[in-house]
Amino acid sequence: MNDLIIIYITCDSVGQAKIIGRQLLEKRLCGCVNVIPNMQPMSWWPPKQNKIDTSEEVVLLVKTLKNKFSAVEKEIKDMKLFEVPCLIALPTEKVNKEYYDWIKGEIK
């Protein structure tokens, strides 16, 4: 059960996060997504411009398996929505068996 990961993805809007989430679900690359609006990031953006950007973001959490990370990454890059997409796989230390079995059962 230690192959369950959560992929942290930043999006420009709730609409964009829902489009990505729905596409990943329809392609059975994940079992569940969560859209978290109103994130308040601060970062150096655009690159090499010596400017701190404080634009609002939306976080998309994608629950999937380690062996699906590359397919999720490819799918998002193929959508061409981002200049530099943020995809960070977070490992899970523990997960209850029923939830793991459900997520795994929804992924092809």
PDB file of N, CA and C in Angstrom:
ATOM      1  N   MET A   1       0.811  -1.204   0.000  1.00  0.00           N
ATOM      2  CA  MET A   1       0.000   0.000   0.000  1.00  0.00           C
ATOM      3  C   MET A   1       0.851   1.263   0.000  1.00  0.00           C
ATOM      4  N   ASN A   2       2.161   1.109  -0.026  1.00  0.00           N
ATOM      5  CA  ASN A   2       3.014   2.294  -0.025  1.00  0.00           C
ATOM      6  C   ASN A   2       3.245   2.848  -1.426  1.00  0.00           C
ATOM      7  N   ASP A   3       2.471   2.382  -2.414  1.00  0.00           N
ATOM      8  CA  ASP A   3       2.598   2.928  -3.760  1.00  0.00           C
ATOM      9  C   ASP A   3       1.575   4.026  -4.036  1.00  0.00           C
ATOM     10  N   LEU A   4       0.743   4.372  -3.056  1.00  0.00           N
ATOM     11  CA  LEU A   4      -0.203   5.476  -3.210  1.00  0.00           C
ATOM     12  C   LEU A   4       0.558   6.795  -3.052  1.00  0.00           C
ATOM     13  N   ILE A   5       0.339   7.707  -3.994  1.00  0.00           N
ATOM     14  CA  ILE A   5       0.941   9.039  -3.916  1.00  0.00           C
ATOM     15  C   ILE A   5      -0.154  10.087  -4.084  1.00  0.00           C
ATOM     16  N   ILE A   6       0.175  11.287  -3.651  1.00  0.00           N
ATOM     17  CA  ILE A   6      -0.670  12.449  -3.899  1.00  0.00           C
ATOM     18  C   ILE A   6       0.174  13.408  -4.731  1.00  0.00           C
ATOM     19  N   ILE A   7      -0.331  13.760  -5.901  1.00  0.00           N
ATOM     20  CA  ILE A   7       0.391  14.701  -6.753  1.00  0.00           C
ATOM     21  C   ILE A   7      -0.185  16.096  -6.514  1.00  0.00           C
ATOM     22  N   TYR A   8       0.692  16.987  -6.096  1.00  0.00           N
ATOM     23  CA  TYR A   8       0.354  18.383  -5.833  1.00  0.00           C
ATOM     24  C   TYR A   8       0.568  19.150  -7.131  1.00  0.00           C
ATOM     25  N   ILE A   9      -0.495  19.786  -7.622  1.00  0.00           N
ATOM     26  CA  ILE A   9      -0.435  20.535  -8.878  1.00  0.00           C
ATOM     27  C   ILE A   9      -1.015  21.919  -8.631  1.00  0.00           C
ATOM     28  N   THR A  10      -0.328  22.957  -9.095  1.00  0.00           N
ATOM     29  CA  THR A  10      -0.892  24.298  -8.983  1.00  0.00           C
ATOM     30  C   THR A  10      -1.548  24.676 -10.309  1.00  0.00           C
ATOM     31  N   CYS A  11      -2.688  25.354 -10.195  1.00  0.00           N
ATOM     32  CA  CYS A  11      -3.480  25.750 -11.360  1.00  0.00           C
ATOM     33  C   CYS A  11      -3.804  27.236 -11.269  1.00  0.00           C
ATOM     34  N   ASP A  12      -4.187  27.796 -12.407  1.00  0.00           N
ATOM     35  CA  ASP A  12      -4.522  29.220 -12.475  1.00  0.00           C
ATOM     36  C   ASP A  12      -5.917  29.536 -11.936  1.00  0.00           C
ATOM     37  N   SER A  13      -6.827  28.555 -12.012  1.00  0.00           N
ATOM     38  CA  SER A  13      -8.212  28.805 -11.617  1.00  0.00           C
ATOM     39  C   SER A  13      -8.893  27.500 -11.227  1.00  0.00           C
ATOM     40  N   VAL A  14     -10.033  27.633 -10.560  1.00  0.00           N
ATOM     41  CA  VAL A  14     -10.838  26.462 -10.223  1.00  0.00           C
ATOM     42  C   VAL A  14     -11.265  25.758 -11.502  1.00  0.00           C
ATOM     43  N   GLY A  15     -11.647  26.530 -12.509  1.00  0.00           N
ATOM     44  CA  GLY A  15     -12.065  25.940 -13.780  1.00  0.00           C
ATOM     45  C   GLY A  15     -10.963  25.106 -14.407  1.00  0.00           C
ATOM     46  N   GLN A  16      -9.748  25.641 -14.413  1.00  0.00           N
ATOM     47  CA  GLN A  16      -8.618  24.904 -14.975  1.00  0.00           C
ATOM     48  C   GLN A  16      -8.357  23.623 -14.169  1.00  0.00           C
ATOM     49  N   ALA A  17      -8.406  23.717 -12.843  1.00  0.00           N
ATOM     50  CA  ALA A  17      -8.189  22.540 -11.996  1.00  0.00           C
ATOM     51  C   ALA A  17      -9.249  21.469 -12.263  1.00  0.00           C
ATOM     52  N   LYS A  18     -10.497  21.889 -12.453  1.00  0.00           N
ATOM     53  CA  LYS A  18     -11.571  20.928 -12.725  1.00  0.00           C
ATOM     54  C   LYS A  18     -11.395  20.274 -14.092  1.00  0.00           C
ATOM     55  N   ILE A  19     -10.956  21.034 -15.076  1.00  0.00           N
ATOM     56  CA  ILE A  19     -10.703  20.460 -16.405  1.00  0.00           C
ATOM     57  C   ILE A  19      -9.615  19.393 -16.309  1.00  0.00           C
ATOM     58  N   ILE A  20      -8.519  19.717 -15.648  1.00  0.00           N
ATOM     59  CA  ILE A  20      -7.420  18.761 -15.500  1.00  0.00           C
ATOM     60  C   ILE A  20      -7.884  17.546 -14.704  1.00  0.00           C
ATOM     61  N   GLY A  21      -8.530  17.795 -13.568  1.00  0.00           N
ATOM     62  CA  GLY A  21      -9.002  16.697 -12.729  1.00  0.00           C
ATOM     63  C   GLY A  21      -9.942  15.763 -13.459  1.00  0.00           C
ATOM     64  N   ARG A  22     -10.900  16.327 -14.176  1.00  0.00           N
ATOM     65  CA  ARG A  22     -11.858  15.497 -14.917  1.00  0.00           C
ATOM     66  C   ARG A  22     -11.154  14.667 -15.980  1.00  0.00           C
ATOM     67  N   GLN A  23     -10.208  15.262 -16.691  1.00  0.00           N
ATOM     68  CA  GLN A  23      -9.487  14.530 -17.733  1.00  0.00           C
ATOM     69  C   GLN A  23      -8.689  13.367 -17.127  1.00  0.00           C
ATOM     70  N   LEU A  24      -8.017  13.619 -16.008  1.00  0.00           N
ATOM     71  CA  LEU A  24      -7.255  12.547 -15.363  1.00  0.00           C
ATOM     72  C   LEU A  24      -8.175  11.439 -14.869  1.00  0.00           C
ATOM     73  N   LEU A  25      -9.336  11.817 -14.338  1.00  0.00           N
ATOM     74  CA  LEU A  25     -10.306  10.813 -13.894  1.00  0.00           C
ATOM     75  C   LEU A  25     -10.864  10.017 -15.070  1.00  0.00           C
ATOM     76  N   GLU A  26     -11.267  10.716 -16.142  1.00  0.00           N
ATOM     77  CA  GLU A  26     -11.839  10.022 -17.301  1.00  0.00           C
ATOM     78  C   GLU A  26     -10.854   9.058 -17.934  1.00  0.00           C
ATOM     79  N   LYS A  27      -9.559   9.373 -17.867  1.00  0.00           N
ATOM     80  CA  LYS A  27      -8.534   8.478 -18.425  1.00  0.00           C
ATOM     81  C   LYS A  27      -8.092   7.439 -17.406  1.00  0.00           C
ATOM     82  N   ARG A  28      -8.731   7.440 -16.234  1.00  0.00           N
ATOM     83  CA  ARG A  28      -8.455   6.465 -15.163  1.00  0.00           C
ATOM     84  C   ARG A  28      -6.995   6.502 -14.705  1.00  0.00           C
ATOM     85  N   LEU A  29      -6.407   7.708 -14.703  1.00  0.00           N
ATOM     86  CA  LEU A  29      -5.033   7.878 -14.230  1.00  0.00           C
ATOM     87  C   LEU A  29      -4.984   8.139 -12.729  1.00  0.00           C
ATOM     88  N   CYS A  30      -6.151   8.341 -12.127  1.00  0.00           N
ATOM     89  CA  CYS A  30      -6.240   8.576 -10.688  1.00  0.00           C
ATOM     90  C   CYS A  30      -7.609   8.108 -10.209  1.00  0.00           C
ATOM     91  N   GLY A  31      -7.749   8.014  -8.906  1.00  0.00           N
ATOM     92  CA  GLY A  31      -9.025   7.592  -8.351  1.00  0.00           C
ATOM     93  C   GLY A  31      -9.837   8.727  -7.777  1.00  0.00           C
ATOM     94  N   CYS A  32      -9.176   9.847  -7.471  1.00  0.00           N
ATOM     95  CA  CYS A  32      -9.843  10.961  -6.811  1.00  0.00           C
ATOM     96  C   CYS A  32      -8.993  12.215  -6.966  1.00  0.00           C
ATOM     97  N   VAL A  33      -9.641  13.359  -7.046  1.00  0.00           N
ATOM     98  CA  VAL A  33      -8.935  14.646  -7.025  1.00  0.00           C
ATOM     99  C   VAL A  33      -9.635  15.571  -6.038  1.00  0.00           C
ATOM    100  N   ASN A  34      -8.876  16.519  -5.514  1.00  0.00           N
ATOM    101  CA  ASN A  34      -9.428  17.567  -4.665  1.00  0.00           C
ATOM    102  C   ASN A  34      -8.983  18.912  -5.223  1.00  0.00           C
ATOM    103  N   VAL A  35      -9.927  19.840  -5.337  1.00  0.00           N
ATOM    104  CA  VAL A  35      -9.651  21.191  -5.810  1.00  0.00           C
ATOM    105  C   VAL A  35      -9.703  22.122  -4.596  1.00  0.00           C
ATOM    106  N   ILE A  36      -8.584  22.805  -4.342  1.00  0.00           N
ATOM    107  CA  ILE A  36      -8.490  23.694  -3.184  1.00  0.00           C
ATOM    108  C   ILE A  36      -8.269  25.118  -3.709  1.00  0.00           C
ATOM    109  N   PRO A  37      -9.303  25.965  -3.646  1.00  0.00           N
ATOM    110  CA  PRO A  37      -9.187  27.325  -4.187  1.00  0.00           C
ATOM    111  C   PRO A  37      -8.487  28.283  -3.225  1.00  0.00           C
ATOM    112  N   ASN A  38      -8.201  29.456  -3.748  1.00  0.00           N
ATOM    113  CA  ASN A  38      -7.734  30.608  -2.963  1.00  0.00           C
ATOM    114  C   ASN A  38      -6.397  30.407  -2.261  1.00  0.00           C
ATOM    115  N   MET A  39      -5.471  29.735  -2.897  1.00  0.00           N
ATOM    116  CA  MET A  39      -4.125  29.630  -2.340  1.00  0.00           C
ATOM    117  C   MET A  39      -3.406  30.951  -2.585  1.00  0.00           C
ATOM    118  N   GLN A  40      -2.578  31.351  -1.666  1.00  0.00           N
ATOM    119  CA  GLN A  40      -1.883  32.629  -1.736  1.00  0.00           C
ATOM    120  C   GLN A  40      -0.369  32.397  -1.841  1.00  0.00           C
ATOM    121  N   PRO A  41       0.129  32.054  -3.025  1.00  0.00           N
ATOM    122  CA  PRO A  41       1.554  31.770  -3.171  1.00  0.00           C
ATOM    123  C   PRO A  41       2.385  33.042  -3.297  1.00  0.00           C
ATOM    124  N   MET A  42       3.659  32.866  -3.077  1.00  0.00           N
ATOM    125  CA  MET A  42       4.647  33.904  -3.365  1.00  0.00           C
ATOM    126  C   MET A  42       5.830  33.189  -3.992  1.00  0.00           C
ATOM    127  N   SER A  43       6.272  33.661  -5.159  1.00  0.00           N
ATOM    128  CA  SER A  43       7.389  33.001  -5.830  1.00  0.00           C
ATOM    129  C   SER A  43       8.096  33.981  -6.761  1.00  0.00           C
ATOM    130  N   TRP A  44       9.297  33.608  -7.151  1.00  0.00           N
ATOM    131  CA  TRP A  44      10.028  34.378  -8.155  1.00  0.00           C
ATOM    132  C   TRP A  44       9.441  33.996  -9.509  1.00  0.00           C
ATOM    133  N   TRP A  45       8.658  34.883 -10.113  1.00  0.00           N
ATOM    134  CA  TRP A  45       8.035  34.588 -11.392  1.00  0.00           C
ATOM    135  C   TRP A  45       7.767  35.871 -12.139  1.00  0.00           C
ATOM    136  N   PRO A  46       8.006  35.918 -13.415  1.00  0.00           N
ATOM    137  CA  PRO A  46       8.585  34.870 -14.265  1.00  0.00           C
ATOM    138  C   PRO A  46      10.073  34.648 -13.955  1.00  0.00           C
ATOM    139  N   PRO A  47      10.598  33.529 -14.451  1.00  0.00           N
ATOM    140  CA  PRO A  47      11.994  33.191 -14.164  1.00  0.00           C
ATOM    141  C   PRO A  47      12.959  34.301 -14.579  1.00  0.00           C
ATOM    142  N   LYS A  48      13.939  34.498 -13.741  1.00  0.00           N
ATOM    143  CA  LYS A  48      15.059  35.421 -14.012  1.00  0.00           C
ATOM    144  C   LYS A  48      14.634  36.882 -14.151  1.00  0.00           C
ATOM    145  N   GLN A  49      13.465  37.247 -13.674  1.00  0.00           N
ATOM    146  CA  GLN A  49      12.991  38.629 -13.781  1.00  0.00           C
ATOM    147  C   GLN A  49      13.158  39.409 -12.478  1.00  0.00           C
ATOM    148  N   ASN A  50      13.668  38.755 -11.439  1.00  0.00           N
ATOM    149  CA  ASN A  50      13.914  39.399 -10.151  1.00  0.00           C
ATOM    150  C   ASN A  50      12.659  40.083  -9.605  1.00  0.00           C
ATOM    151  N   LYS A  51      11.518  39.366  -9.730  1.00  0.00           N
ATOM    152  CA  LYS A  51      10.237  39.907  -9.301  1.00  0.00           C
ATOM    153  C   LYS A  51       9.503  38.834  -8.489  1.00  0.00           C
ATOM    154  N   ILE A  52       8.946  39.220  -7.346  1.00  0.00           N
ATOM    155  CA  ILE A  52       8.150  38.284  -6.555  1.00  0.00           C
ATOM    156  C   ILE A  52       6.698  38.415  -6.983  1.00  0.00           C
ATOM    157  N   ASP A  53       6.145  37.310  -7.425  1.00  0.00           N
ATOM    158  CA  ASP A  53       4.755  37.263  -7.885  1.00  0.00           C
ATOM    159  C   ASP A  53       3.859  36.799  -6.734  1.00  0.00           C
ATOM    160  N   THR A  54       2.699  37.410  -6.607  1.00  0.00           N
ATOM    161  CA  THR A  54       1.753  37.031  -5.555  1.00  0.00           C
ATOM    162  C   THR A  54       0.371  36.723  -6.134  1.00  0.00           C
ATOM    163  N   SER A  55       0.325  36.201  -7.349  1.00  0.00           N
ATOM    164  CA  SER A  55      -0.945  35.851  -7.971  1.00  0.00           C
ATOM    165  C   SER A  55      -1.629  34.729  -7.181  1.00  0.00           C
ATOM    166  N   GLU A  56      -2.942  34.716  -7.225  1.00  0.00           N
ATOM    167  CA  GLU A  56      -3.699  33.656  -6.573  1.00  0.00           C
ATOM    168  C   GLU A  56      -3.601  32.366  -7.383  1.00  0.00           C
ATOM    169  N   GLU A  57      -3.565  31.236  -6.702  1.00  0.00           N
ATOM    170  CA  GLU A  57      -3.522  29.926  -7.358  1.00  0.00           C
ATOM    171  C   GLU A  57      -4.583  29.016  -6.758  1.00  0.00           C
ATOM    172  N   VAL A  58      -4.785  27.911  -7.448  1.00  0.00           N
ATOM    173  CA  VAL A  58      -5.656  26.833  -6.982  1.00  0.00           C
ATOM    174  C   VAL A  58      -4.800  25.583  -6.931  1.00  0.00           C
ATOM    175  N   VAL A  59      -4.950  24.803  -5.866  1.00  0.00           N
ATOM    176  CA  VAL A  59      -4.206  23.554  -5.750  1.00  0.00           C
ATOM    177  C   VAL A  59      -5.107  22.393  -6.142  1.00  0.00           C
ATOM    178  N   LEU A  60      -4.570  21.523  -6.969  1.00  0.00           N
ATOM    179  CA  LEU A  60      -5.243  20.288  -7.355  1.00  0.00           C
ATOM    180  C   LEU A  60      -4.450  19.142  -6.742  1.00  0.00           C
ATOM    181  N   LEU A  61      -5.097  18.352  -5.889  1.00  0.00           N
ATOM    182  CA  LEU A  61      -4.470  17.167  -5.319  1.00  0.00           C
ATOM    183  C   LEU A  61      -5.000  15.947  -6.054  1.00  0.00           C
ATOM    184  N   VAL A  62      -4.089  15.155  -6.593  1.00  0.00           N
ATOM    185  CA  VAL A  62      -4.451  13.982  -7.394  1.00  0.00           C
ATOM    186  C   VAL A  62      -3.997  12.736  -6.643  1.00  0.00           C
ATOM    187  N   LYS A  63      -4.935  11.853  -6.318  1.00  0.00           N
ATOM    188  CA  LYS A  63      -4.610  10.629  -5.592  1.00  0.00           C
ATOM    189  C   LYS A  63      -4.476   9.499  -6.603  1.00  0.00           C
ATOM    190  N   THR A  64      -3.272   8.941  -6.664  1.00  0.00           N
ATOM    191  CA  THR A  64      -2.978   7.936  -7.682  1.00  0.00           C
ATOM    192  C   THR A  64      -1.879   7.000  -7.183  1.00  0.00           C
ATOM    193  N   LEU A  65      -1.334   6.204  -8.082  1.00  0.00           N
ATOM    194  CA  LEU A  65      -0.261   5.272  -7.751  1.00  0.00           C
ATOM    195  C   LEU A  65       1.049   5.752  -8.356  1.00  0.00           C
ATOM    196  N   LYS A  66       2.152   5.378  -7.724  1.00  0.00           N
ATOM    197  CA  LYS A  66       3.478   5.818  -8.186  1.00  0.00           C
ATOM    198  C   LYS A  66       3.686   5.552  -9.665  1.00  0.00           C
ATOM    199  N   ASN A  67       3.249   4.386 -10.133  1.00  0.00           N
ATOM    200  CA  ASN A  67       3.497   4.022 -11.527  1.00  0.00           C
ATOM    201  C   ASN A  67       2.663   4.828 -12.519  1.00  0.00           C
ATOM    202  N   LYS A  68       1.806   5.710 -12.036  1.00  0.00           N
ATOM    203  CA  LYS A  68       1.001   6.566 -12.916  1.00  0.00           C
ATOM    204  C   LYS A  68       1.544   7.996 -13.002  1.00  0.00           C
ATOM    205  N   PHE A  69       2.590   8.318 -12.229  1.00  0.00           N
ATOM    206  CA  PHE A  69       3.092   9.693 -12.219  1.00  0.00           C
ATOM    207  C   PHE A  69       3.486  10.156 -13.620  1.00  0.00           C
ATOM    208  N   SER A  70       4.259   9.349 -14.335  1.00  0.00           N
ATOM    209  CA  SER A  70       4.721   9.755 -15.676  1.00  0.00           C
ATOM    210  C   SER A  70       3.550   9.983 -16.624  1.00  0.00           C
ATOM    211  N   ALA A  71       2.523   9.152 -16.544  1.00  0.00           N
ATOM    212  CA  ALA A  71       1.347   9.307 -17.414  1.00  0.00           C
ATOM    213  C   ALA A  71       0.575  10.579 -17.058  1.00  0.00           C
ATOM    214  N   VAL A  72       0.457  10.876 -15.761  1.00  0.00           N
ATOM    215  CA  VAL A  72      -0.204  12.115 -15.329  1.00  0.00           C
ATOM    216  C   VAL A  72       0.602  13.317 -15.822  1.00  0.00           C
ATOM    217  N   GLU A  73       1.911  13.268 -15.645  1.00  0.00           N
ATOM    218  CA  GLU A  73       2.774  14.356 -16.095  1.00  0.00           C
ATOM    219  C   GLU A  73       2.640  14.576 -17.604  1.00  0.00           C
ATOM    220  N   LYS A  74       2.666  13.500 -18.379  1.00  0.00           N
ATOM    221  CA  LYS A  74       2.538  13.604 -19.836  1.00  0.00           C
ATOM    222  C   LYS A  74       1.188  14.213 -20.210  1.00  0.00           C
ATOM    223  N   GLU A  75       0.129  13.750 -19.565  1.00  0.00           N
ATOM    224  CA  GLU A  75      -1.219  14.248 -19.860  1.00  0.00           C
ATOM    225  C   GLU A  75      -1.298  15.761 -19.625  1.00  0.00           C
ATOM    226  N   ILE A  76      -0.746  16.210 -18.523  1.00  0.00           N
ATOM    227  CA  ILE A  76      -0.798  17.635 -18.203  1.00  0.00           C
ATOM    228  C   ILE A  76       0.072  18.444 -19.168  1.00  0.00           C
ATOM    229  N   LYS A  77       1.249  17.960 -19.481  1.00  0.00           N
ATOM    230  CA  LYS A  77       2.108  18.670 -20.440  1.00  0.00           C
ATOM    231  C   LYS A  77       1.461  18.707 -21.822  1.00  0.00           C
ATOM    232  N   ASP A  78       0.789  17.635 -22.215  1.00  0.00           N
ATOM    233  CA  ASP A  78       0.118  17.600 -23.513  1.00  0.00           C
ATOM    234  C   ASP A  78      -1.037  18.598 -23.597  1.00  0.00           C
ATOM    235  N   MET A  79      -1.621  18.956 -22.458  1.00  0.00           N
ATOM    236  CA  MET A  79      -2.706  19.940 -22.439  1.00  0.00           C
ATOM    237  C   MET A  79      -2.186  21.352 -22.737  1.00  0.00           C
ATOM    238  N   LYS A  80      -0.877  21.570 -22.578  1.00  0.00           N
ATOM    239  CA  LYS A  80      -0.224  22.849 -22.866  1.00  0.00           C
ATOM    240  C   LYS A  80      -0.882  24.044 -22.154  1.00  0.00           C
ATOM    241  N   LEU A  81      -1.196  23.845 -20.883  1.00  0.00           N
ATOM    242  CA  LEU A  81      -1.816  24.903 -20.086  1.00  0.00           C
ATOM    243  C   LEU A  81      -0.797  25.726 -19.307  1.00  0.00           C
ATOM    244  N   PHE A  82       0.421  25.200 -19.171  1.00  0.00           N
ATOM    245  CA  PHE A  82       1.414  25.826 -18.310  1.00  0.00           C
ATOM    246  C   PHE A  82       2.728  26.007 -19.031  1.00  0.00           C
ATOM    247  N   GLU A  83       3.404  27.121 -18.737  1.00  0.00           N
ATOM    248  CA  GLU A  83       4.774  27.301 -19.224  1.00  0.00           C
ATOM    249  C   GLU A  83       5.705  26.363 -18.454  1.00  0.00           C
ATOM    250  N   VAL A  84       5.545  26.343 -17.130  1.00  0.00           N
ATOM    251  CA  VAL A  84       6.324  25.456 -16.263  1.00  0.00           C
ATOM    252  C   VAL A  84       5.338  24.810 -15.287  1.00  0.00           C
ATOM    253  N   PRO A  85       4.844  23.607 -15.603  1.00  0.00           N
ATOM    254  CA  PRO A  85       3.873  22.974 -14.699  1.00  0.00           C
ATOM    255  C   PRO A  85       4.521  22.565 -13.380  1.00  0.00           C
ATOM    256  N   CYS A  86       3.764  22.679 -12.307  1.00  0.00           N
ATOM    257  CA  CYS A  86       4.208  22.234 -10.985  1.00  0.00           C
ATOM    258  C   CYS A  86       3.509  20.919 -10.680  1.00  0.00           C
ATOM    259  N   LEU A  87       4.269  19.840 -10.690  1.00  0.00           N
ATOM    260  CA  LEU A  87       3.757  18.522 -10.309  1.00  0.00           C
ATOM    261  C   LEU A  87       4.738  17.937  -9.297  1.00  0.00           C
ATOM    262  N   ILE A  88       4.271  17.733  -8.089  1.00  0.00           N
ATOM    263  CA  ILE A  88       5.127  17.216  -7.024  1.00  0.00           C
ATOM    264  C   ILE A  88       4.443  15.988  -6.433  1.00  0.00           C
ATOM    265  N   ALA A  89       5.097  14.835  -6.515  1.00  0.00           N
ATOM    266  CA  ALA A  89       4.546  13.612  -5.952  1.00  0.00           C
ATOM    267  C   ALA A  89       4.899  13.528  -4.475  1.00  0.00           C
ATOM    268  N   LEU A  90       3.881  13.418  -3.654  1.00  0.00           N
ATOM    269  CA  LEU A  90       4.060  13.287  -2.215  1.00  0.00           C
ATOM    270  C   LEU A  90       3.769  11.839  -1.823  1.00  0.00           C
ATOM    271  N   PRO A  91       4.725  11.172  -1.176  1.00  0.00           N
ATOM    272  CA  PRO A  91       4.480   9.786  -0.773  1.00  0.00           C
ATOM    273  C   PRO A  91       3.497   9.737   0.395  1.00  0.00           C
ATOM    274  N   THR A  92       2.825   8.626   0.527  1.00  0.00           N
ATOM    275  CA  THR A  92       1.953   8.423   1.689  1.00  0.00           C
ATOM    276  C   THR A  92       2.612   7.392   2.585  1.00  0.00           C
ATOM    277  N   GLU A  93       2.665   7.700   3.849  1.00  0.00           N
ATOM    278  CA  GLU A  93       3.284   6.779   4.797  1.00  0.00           C
ATOM    279  C   GLU A  93       2.309   5.686   5.204  1.00  0.00           C
ATOM    280  N   LYS A  94       1.060   6.079   5.430  1.00  0.00           N
ATOM    281  CA  LYS A  94       0.035   5.118   5.830  1.00  0.00           C
ATOM    282  C   LYS A  94      -1.281   5.494   5.161  1.00  0.00           C
ATOM    283  N   VAL A  95      -2.079   4.485   4.873  1.00  0.00           N
ATOM    284  CA  VAL A  95      -3.421   4.698   4.327  1.00  0.00           C
ATOM    285  C   VAL A  95      -4.268   3.496   4.739  1.00  0.00           C
ATOM    286  N   ASN A  96      -5.527   3.759   5.069  1.00  0.00           N
ATOM    287  CA  ASN A  96      -6.357   2.619   5.465  1.00  0.00           C
ATOM    288  C   ASN A  96      -6.666   1.750   4.244  1.00  0.00           C
ATOM    289  N   LYS A  97      -6.737   0.444   4.482  1.00  0.00           N
ATOM    290  CA  LYS A  97      -6.867  -0.554   3.414  1.00  0.00           C
ATOM    291  C   LYS A  97      -8.091  -0.324   2.540  1.00  0.00           C
ATOM    292  N   GLU A  98      -9.215   0.023   3.125  1.00  0.00           N
ATOM    293  CA  GLU A  98     -10.442   0.214   2.344  1.00  0.00           C
ATOM    294  C   GLU A  98     -10.296   1.361   1.349  1.00  0.00           C
ATOM    295  N   TYR A  99      -9.704   2.449   1.801  1.00  0.00           N
ATOM    296  CA  TYR A  99      -9.512   3.605   0.919  1.00  0.00           C
ATOM    297  C   TYR A  99      -8.513   3.268  -0.173  1.00  0.00           C
ATOM    298  N   TYR A 100      -7.412   2.633   0.193  1.00  0.00           N
ATOM    299  CA  TYR A 100      -6.398   2.234  -0.781  1.00  0.00           C
ATOM    300  C   TYR A 100      -7.014   1.320  -1.838  1.00  0.00           C
ATOM    301  N   ASP A 101      -7.767   0.320  -1.402  1.00  0.00           N
ATOM    302  CA  ASP A 101      -8.389  -0.625  -2.338  1.00  0.00           C
ATOM    303  C   ASP A 101      -9.333   0.106  -3.295  1.00  0.00           C
ATOM    304  N   TRP A 102     -10.080   1.091  -2.787  1.00  0.00           N
ATOM    305  CA  TRP A 102     -10.996   1.846  -3.639  1.00  0.00           C
ATOM    306  C   TRP A 102     -10.219   2.656  -4.677  1.00  0.00           C
ATOM    307  N   ILE A 103      -9.210   3.417  -4.230  1.00  0.00           N
ATOM    308  CA  ILE A 103      -8.416   4.218  -5.176  1.00  0.00           C
ATOM    309  C   ILE A 103      -7.795   3.320  -6.227  1.00  0.00           C
ATOM    310  N   LYS A 104      -7.135   2.254  -5.794  1.00  0.00           N
ATOM    311  CA  LYS A 104      -6.453   1.336  -6.720  1.00  0.00           C
ATOM    312  C   LYS A 104      -7.452   0.733  -7.713  1.00  0.00           C
ATOM    313  N   GLY A 105      -8.642   0.422  -7.240  1.00  0.00           N
ATOM    314  CA  GLY A 105      -9.672  -0.175  -8.099  1.00  0.00           C
ATOM    315  C   GLY A 105     -10.197   0.758  -9.172  1.00  0.00           C
ATOM    316  N   GLU A 106     -10.044   2.070  -8.987  1.00  0.00           N
ATOM    317  CA  GLU A 106     -10.538   3.041  -9.960  1.00  0.00           C
ATOM    318  C   GLU A 106      -9.496   3.390 -11.034  1.00  0.00           C
ATOM    319  N   ILE A 107      -8.259   2.956 -10.828  1.00  0.00           N
ATOM    320  CA  ILE A 107      -7.157   3.304 -11.741  1.00  0.00           C
ATOM    321  C   ILE A 107      -6.895   2.144 -12.689  1.00  0.00           C
ATOM    322  N   LYS A 108      -6.684   2.470 -13.963  1.00  0.00           N
ATOM    323  CA  LYS A 108      -6.344   1.424 -14.957  1.00  0.00           C
ATOM    324  C   LYS A 108      -4.889   1.498 -15.306  1.00  0.00           C
TER     325      LYS A 108
END
